[in-house]
Amino acid sequence: MKRQSPLATGLLYIILGILFVALAIDNVERSGWNWLSYFIIFLATIDLGSGIRFIMLHYRLKRLQKK
């Protein structure tokens, strides 16, 4: 089984984070700030943070392979 690159994983997480942000905005517009809105924002924060870390890892590994 081939290992997935950190860049592809990071981009997937960023796309999911953007999707969760859009869902949270829609939920707040429809029903205001409730527990579900906070939970969706929490998921978006985790996904965006993980995506950024995976992309940084990709470039760090690329720089180490270059040496």
PDB file of N, CA and C in Angstrom:
ATOM      1  N   MET A   1       0.840  -1.175   0.000  1.00  0.00           N
ATOM      2  CA  MET A   1       0.000   0.000   0.000  1.00  0.00           C
ATOM      3  C   MET A   1       0.886   1.239   0.000  1.00  0.00           C
ATOM      4  N   LYS A   2       0.571   2.180  -0.879  1.00  0.00           N
ATOM      5  CA  LYS A   2       1.367   3.392  -0.996  1.00  0.00           C
ATOM      6  C   LYS A   2       0.965   4.408   0.075  1.00  0.00           C
ATOM      7  N   ARG A   3       1.951   5.062   0.635  1.00  0.00           N
ATOM      8  CA  ARG A   3       1.722   6.074   1.664  1.00  0.00           C
ATOM      9  C   ARG A   3       1.272   7.378   1.008  1.00  0.00           C
ATOM     10  N   GLN A   4       0.255   7.996   1.572  1.00  0.00           N
ATOM     11  CA  GLN A   4      -0.246   9.259   1.042  1.00  0.00           C
ATOM     12  C   GLN A   4       0.666  10.398   1.489  1.00  0.00           C
ATOM     13  N   SER A   5       0.911  11.341   0.588  1.00  0.00           N
ATOM     14  CA  SER A   5       1.819  12.437   0.918  1.00  0.00           C
ATOM     15  C   SER A   5       1.175  13.397   1.914  1.00  0.00           C
ATOM     16  N   PRO A   6       2.004  14.040   2.733  1.00  0.00           N
ATOM     17  CA  PRO A   6       1.466  15.016   3.686  1.00  0.00           C
ATOM     18  C   PRO A   6       0.800  16.200   2.984  1.00  0.00           C
ATOM     19  N   LEU A   7       1.250  16.533   1.773  1.00  0.00           N
ATOM     20  CA  LEU A   7       0.638  17.643   1.048  1.00  0.00           C
ATOM     21  C   LEU A   7      -0.812  17.325   0.684  1.00  0.00           C
ATOM     22  N   ALA A   8      -1.058  16.121   0.180  1.00  0.00           N
ATOM     23  CA  ALA A   8      -2.425  15.727  -0.179  1.00  0.00           C
ATOM     24  C   ALA A   8      -3.318  15.650   1.056  1.00  0.00           C
ATOM     25  N   THR A   9      -2.782  15.106   2.135  1.00  0.00           N
ATOM     26  CA  THR A   9      -3.544  15.030   3.381  1.00  0.00           C
ATOM     27  C   THR A   9      -3.858  16.427   3.909  1.00  0.00           C
ATOM     28  N   GLY A  10      -2.875  17.320   3.852  1.00  0.00           N
ATOM     29  CA  GLY A  10      -3.079  18.690   4.320  1.00  0.00           C
ATOM     30  C   GLY A  10      -4.133  19.415   3.509  1.00  0.00           C
ATOM     31  N   LEU A  11      -4.089  19.241   2.198  1.00  0.00           N
ATOM     32  CA  LEU A  11      -5.103  19.884   1.353  1.00  0.00           C
ATOM     33  C   LEU A  11      -6.500  19.337   1.637  1.00  0.00           C
ATOM     34  N   LEU A  12      -6.593  18.036   1.881  1.00  0.00           N
ATOM     35  CA  LEU A  12      -7.890  17.438   2.221  1.00  0.00           C
ATOM     36  C   LEU A  12      -8.439  18.023   3.515  1.00  0.00           C
ATOM     37  N   TYR A  13      -7.569  18.144   4.521  1.00  0.00           N
ATOM     38  CA  TYR A  13      -7.998  18.725   5.793  1.00  0.00           C
ATOM     39  C   TYR A  13      -8.414  20.191   5.634  1.00  0.00           C
ATOM     40  N   ILE A  14      -7.703  20.940   4.818  1.00  0.00           N
ATOM     41  CA  ILE A  14      -8.067  22.348   4.611  1.00  0.00           C
ATOM     42  C   ILE A  14      -9.415  22.454   3.899  1.00  0.00           C
ATOM     43  N   ILE A  15      -9.657  21.598   2.926  1.00  0.00           N
ATOM     44  CA  ILE A  15     -10.952  21.599   2.234  1.00  0.00           C
ATOM     45  C   ILE A  15     -12.071  21.261   3.211  1.00  0.00           C
ATOM     46  N   LEU A  16     -11.850  20.263   4.067  1.00  0.00           N
ATOM     47  CA  LEU A  16     -12.859  19.923   5.072  1.00  0.00           C
ATOM     48  C   LEU A  16     -13.084  21.074   6.050  1.00  0.00           C
ATOM     49  N   GLY A  17     -12.006  21.764   6.438  1.00  0.00           N
ATOM     50  CA  GLY A  17     -12.142  22.902   7.341  1.00  0.00           C
ATOM     51  C   GLY A  17     -12.959  24.020   6.726  1.00  0.00           C
ATOM     52  N   ILE A  18     -12.731  24.288   5.444  1.00  0.00           N
ATOM     53  CA  ILE A  18     -13.505  25.322   4.751  1.00  0.00           C
ATOM     54  C   ILE A  18     -14.969  24.911   4.653  1.00  0.00           C
ATOM     55  N   LEU A  19     -15.211  23.620   4.404  1.00  0.00           N
ATOM     56  CA  LEU A  19     -16.589  23.123   4.353  1.00  0.00           C
ATOM     57  C   LEU A  19     -17.283  23.298   5.700  1.00  0.00           C
ATOM     58  N   PHE A  20     -16.579  22.984   6.781  1.00  0.00           N
ATOM     59  CA  PHE A  20     -17.162  23.154   8.120  1.00  0.00           C
ATOM     60  C   PHE A  20     -17.423  24.621   8.446  1.00  0.00           C
ATOM     61  N   VAL A  21     -16.563  25.511   8.002  1.00  0.00           N
ATOM     62  CA  VAL A  21     -16.798  26.944   8.220  1.00  0.00           C
ATOM     63  C   VAL A  21     -18.066  27.378   7.491  1.00  0.00           C
ATOM     64  N   ALA A  22     -18.231  26.925   6.245  1.00  0.00           N
ATOM     65  CA  ALA A  22     -19.429  27.276   5.486  1.00  0.00           C
ATOM     66  C   ALA A  22     -20.686  26.713   6.160  1.00  0.00           C
ATOM     67  N   LEU A  23     -20.600  25.483   6.662  1.00  0.00           N
ATOM     68  CA  LEU A  23     -21.746  24.904   7.376  1.00  0.00           C
ATOM     69  C   LEU A  23     -22.062  25.675   8.653  1.00  0.00           C
ATOM     70  N   ALA A  24     -21.034  26.102   9.365  1.00  0.00           N
ATOM     71  CA  ALA A  24     -21.253  26.861  10.595  1.00  0.00           C
ATOM     72  C   ALA A  24     -21.903  28.210  10.292  1.00  0.00           C
ATOM     73  N   ILE A  25     -21.444  28.874   9.246  1.00  0.00           N
ATOM     74  CA  ILE A  25     -22.040  30.159   8.878  1.00  0.00           C
ATOM     75  C   ILE A  25     -23.511  29.984   8.526  1.00  0.00           C
ATOM     76  N   ASP A  26     -23.809  28.932   7.768  1.00  0.00           N
ATOM     77  CA  ASP A  26     -25.206  28.656   7.409  1.00  0.00           C
ATOM     78  C   ASP A  26     -26.043  28.345   8.647  1.00  0.00           C
ATOM     79  N   ASN A  27     -25.487  27.573   9.561  1.00  0.00           N
ATOM     80  CA  ASN A  27     -26.219  27.220  10.777  1.00  0.00           C
ATOM     81  C   ASN A  27     -26.470  28.442  11.659  1.00  0.00           C
ATOM     82  N   VAL A  28     -25.498  29.333  11.763  1.00  0.00           N
ATOM     83  CA  VAL A  28     -25.676  30.541  12.579  1.00  0.00           C
ATOM     84  C   VAL A  28     -26.727  31.450  11.951  1.00  0.00           C
ATOM     85  N   GLU A  29     -26.727  31.557  10.631  1.00  0.00           N
ATOM     86  CA  GLU A  29     -27.724  32.403   9.967  1.00  0.00           C
ATOM     87  C   GLU A  29     -29.133  31.860  10.160  1.00  0.00           C
ATOM     88  N   ARG A  30     -29.267  30.541  10.178  1.00  0.00           N
ATOM     89  CA  ARG A  30     -30.602  29.942  10.316  1.00  0.00           C
ATOM     90  C   ARG A  30     -31.095  29.921  11.756  1.00  0.00           C
ATOM     91  N   SER A  31     -30.230  29.532  12.709  1.00  0.00           N
ATOM     92  CA  SER A  31     -30.729  29.325  14.064  1.00  0.00           C
ATOM     93  C   SER A  31     -29.932  30.036  15.149  1.00  0.00           C
ATOM     94  N   GLY A  32     -29.002  30.879  14.778  1.00  0.00           N
ATOM     95  CA  GLY A  32     -28.230  31.606  15.781  1.00  0.00           C
ATOM     96  C   GLY A  32     -27.126  30.747  16.373  1.00  0.00           C
ATOM     97  N   TRP A  33     -26.465  31.310  17.382  1.00  0.00           N
ATOM     98  CA  TRP A  33     -25.361  30.594  18.019  1.00  0.00           C
ATOM     99  C   TRP A  33     -25.908  29.594  19.019  1.00  0.00           C
ATOM    100  N   ASN A  34     -25.786  28.313  18.701  1.00  0.00           N
ATOM    101  CA  ASN A  34     -26.182  27.258  19.625  1.00  0.00           C
ATOM    102  C   ASN A  34     -25.019  26.274  19.755  1.00  0.00           C
ATOM    103  N   TRP A  35     -25.217  25.185  20.472  1.00  0.00           N
ATOM    104  CA  TRP A  35     -24.124  24.241  20.709  1.00  0.00           C
ATOM    105  C   TRP A  35     -23.615  23.624  19.414  1.00  0.00           C
ATOM    106  N   LEU A  36     -24.485  23.410  18.439  1.00  0.00           N
ATOM    107  CA  LEU A  36     -24.069  22.817  17.171  1.00  0.00           C
ATOM    108  C   LEU A  36     -23.147  23.761  16.396  1.00  0.00           C
ATOM    109  N   SER A  37     -23.431  25.045  16.444  1.00  0.00           N
ATOM    110  CA  SER A  37     -22.564  26.027  15.786  1.00  0.00           C
ATOM    111  C   SER A  37     -21.164  26.007  16.385  1.00  0.00           C
ATOM    112  N   TYR A  38     -21.091  25.979  17.692  1.00  0.00           N
ATOM    113  CA  TYR A  38     -19.785  25.930  18.354  1.00  0.00           C
ATOM    114  C   TYR A  38     -19.050  24.637  18.033  1.00  0.00           C
ATOM    115  N   PHE A  39     -19.768  23.530  17.967  1.00  0.00           N
ATOM    116  CA  PHE A  39     -19.150  22.247  17.663  1.00  0.00           C
ATOM    117  C   PHE A  39     -18.596  22.229  16.236  1.00  0.00           C
ATOM    118  N   ILE A  40     -19.342  22.778  15.290  1.00  0.00           N
ATOM    119  CA  ILE A  40     -18.879  22.819  13.901  1.00  0.00           C
ATOM    120  C   ILE A  40     -17.655  23.719  13.776  1.00  0.00           C
ATOM    121  N   ILE A  41     -17.655  24.849  14.472  1.00  0.00           N
ATOM    122  CA  ILE A  41     -16.488  25.731  14.458  1.00  0.00           C
ATOM    123  C   ILE A  41     -15.281  25.036  15.088  1.00  0.00           C
ATOM    124  N   PHE A  42     -15.514  24.259  16.137  1.00  0.00           N
ATOM    125  CA  PHE A  42     -14.438  23.485  16.762  1.00  0.00           C
ATOM    126  C   PHE A  42     -13.835  22.499  15.757  1.00  0.00           C
ATOM    127  N   LEU A  43     -14.681  21.780  15.022  1.00  0.00           N
ATOM    128  CA  LEU A  43     -14.195  20.843  14.012  1.00  0.00           C
ATOM    129  C   LEU A  43     -13.431  21.562  12.906  1.00  0.00           C
ATOM    130  N   ALA A  44     -13.925  22.717  12.492  1.00  0.00           N
ATOM    131  CA  ALA A  44     -13.247  23.485  11.449  1.00  0.00           C
ATOM    132  C   ALA A  44     -11.863  23.933  11.922  1.00  0.00           C
ATOM    133  N   THR A  45     -11.772  24.353  13.175  1.00  0.00           N
ATOM    134  CA  THR A  45     -10.495  24.791  13.719  1.00  0.00           C
ATOM    135  C   THR A  45      -9.483  23.644  13.738  1.00  0.00           C
ATOM    136  N   ILE A  46      -9.924  22.480  14.172  1.00  0.00           N
ATOM    137  CA  ILE A  46      -9.031  21.320  14.210  1.00  0.00           C
ATOM    138  C   ILE A  46      -8.597  20.933  12.797  1.00  0.00           C
ATOM    139  N   ASP A  47      -9.527  20.910  11.852  1.00  0.00           N
ATOM    140  CA  ASP A  47      -9.186  20.532  10.478  1.00  0.00           C
ATOM    141  C   ASP A  47      -8.232  21.535   9.834  1.00  0.00           C
ATOM    142  N   LEU A  48      -8.498  22.812   9.984  1.00  0.00           N
ATOM    143  CA  LEU A  48      -7.606  23.818   9.392  1.00  0.00           C
ATOM    144  C   LEU A  48      -6.218  23.780  10.028  1.00  0.00           C
ATOM    145  N   GLY A  49      -6.167  23.617  11.338  1.00  0.00           N
ATOM    146  CA  GLY A  49      -4.871  23.524  12.015  1.00  0.00           C
ATOM    147  C   GLY A  49      -4.090  22.293  11.584  1.00  0.00           C
ATOM    148  N   SER A  50      -4.772  21.162  11.468  1.00  0.00           N
ATOM    149  CA  SER A  50      -4.105  19.936  11.022  1.00  0.00           C
ATOM    150  C   SER A  50      -3.639  20.068   9.582  1.00  0.00           C
ATOM    151  N   GLY A  51      -4.444  20.700   8.753  1.00  0.00           N
ATOM    152  CA  GLY A  51      -4.059  20.896   7.358  1.00  0.00           C
ATOM    153  C   GLY A  51      -2.805  21.729   7.227  1.00  0.00           C
ATOM    154  N   ILE A  52      -2.727  22.797   8.000  1.00  0.00           N
ATOM    155  CA  ILE A  52      -1.539  23.655   7.964  1.00  0.00           C
ATOM    156  C   ILE A  52      -0.315  22.893   8.457  1.00  0.00           C
ATOM    157  N   ARG A  53      -0.492  22.088   9.508  1.00  0.00           N
ATOM    158  CA  ARG A  53       0.642  21.306  10.023  1.00  0.00           C
ATOM    159  C   ARG A  53       1.127  20.272   9.021  1.00  0.00           C
ATOM    160  N   PHE A  54       0.210  19.606   8.320  1.00  0.00           N
ATOM    161  CA  PHE A  54       0.612  18.623   7.315  1.00  0.00           C
ATOM    162  C   PHE A  54       1.338  19.283   6.147  1.00  0.00           C
ATOM    163  N   ILE A  55       0.877  20.447   5.732  1.00  0.00           N
ATOM    164  CA  ILE A  55       1.560  21.145   4.634  1.00  0.00           C
ATOM    165  C   ILE A  55       2.941  21.598   5.079  1.00  0.00           C
ATOM    166  N   MET A  56       3.064  22.083   6.302  1.00  0.00           N
ATOM    167  CA  MET A  56       4.385  22.457   6.813  1.00  0.00           C
ATOM    168  C   MET A  56       5.296  21.234   6.894  1.00  0.00           C
ATOM    169  N   LEU A  57       4.756  20.097   7.294  1.00  0.00           N
ATOM    170  CA  LEU A  57       5.532  18.863   7.347  1.00  0.00           C
ATOM    171  C   LEU A  57       6.025  18.461   5.962  1.00  0.00           C
ATOM    172  N   HIS A  58       5.170  18.612   4.960  1.00  0.00           N
ATOM    173  CA  HIS A  58       5.562  18.288   3.586  1.00  0.00           C
ATOM    174  C   HIS A  58       6.781  19.101   3.170  1.00  0.00           C
ATOM    175  N   TYR A  59       6.747  20.394   3.388  1.00  0.00           N
ATOM    176  CA  TYR A  59       7.865  21.243   2.984  1.00  0.00           C
ATOM    177  C   TYR A  59       9.113  20.988   3.831  1.00  0.00           C
ATOM    178  N   ARG A  60       8.918  20.651   5.103  1.00  0.00           N
ATOM    179  CA  ARG A  60      10.056  20.319   5.956  1.00  0.00           C
ATOM    180  C   ARG A  60      10.738  19.034   5.473  1.00  0.00           C
ATOM    181  N   LEU A  61       9.941  18.021   5.122  1.00  0.00           N
ATOM    182  CA  LEU A  61      10.506  16.765   4.610  1.00  0.00           C
ATOM    183  C   LEU A  61      11.196  16.983   3.266  1.00  0.00           C
ATOM    184  N   LYS A  62      10.607  17.822   2.438  1.00  0.00           N
ATOM    185  CA  LYS A  62      11.203  18.109   1.130  1.00  0.00           C
ATOM    186  C   LYS A  62      12.564  18.799   1.310  1.00  0.00           C
ATOM    187  N   ARG A  63      12.647  19.717   2.272  1.00  0.00           N
ATOM    188  CA  ARG A  63      13.887  20.429   2.522  1.00  0.00           C
ATOM    189  C   ARG A  63      14.951  19.465   3.062  1.00  0.00           C
ATOM    190  N   LEU A  64      14.553  18.496   3.916  1.00  0.00           N
ATOM    191  CA  LEU A  64      15.507  17.537   4.446  1.00  0.00           C
ATOM    192  C   LEU A  64      15.992  16.577   3.371  1.00  0.00           C
ATOM    193  N   GLN A  65      15.135  16.201   2.428  1.00  0.00           N
ATOM    194  CA  GLN A  65      15.539  15.320   1.342  1.00  0.00           C
ATOM    195  C   GLN A  65      16.500  16.012   0.392  1.00  0.00           C
ATOM    196  N   LYS A  66      16.401  17.327   0.302  1.00  0.00           N
ATOM    197  CA  LYS A  66      17.252  18.115  -0.598  1.00  0.00           C
ATOM    198  C   LYS A  66      18.701  18.119  -0.110  1.00  0.00           C
ATOM    199  N   LYS A  67      18.900  18.055   1.211  1.00  0.00           N
ATOM    200  CA  LYS A  67      20.252  18.111   1.804  1.00  0.00           C
ATOM    201  C   LYS A  67      21.048  16.887   1.507  1.00  0.00           C
TER     202      LYS A  67
END
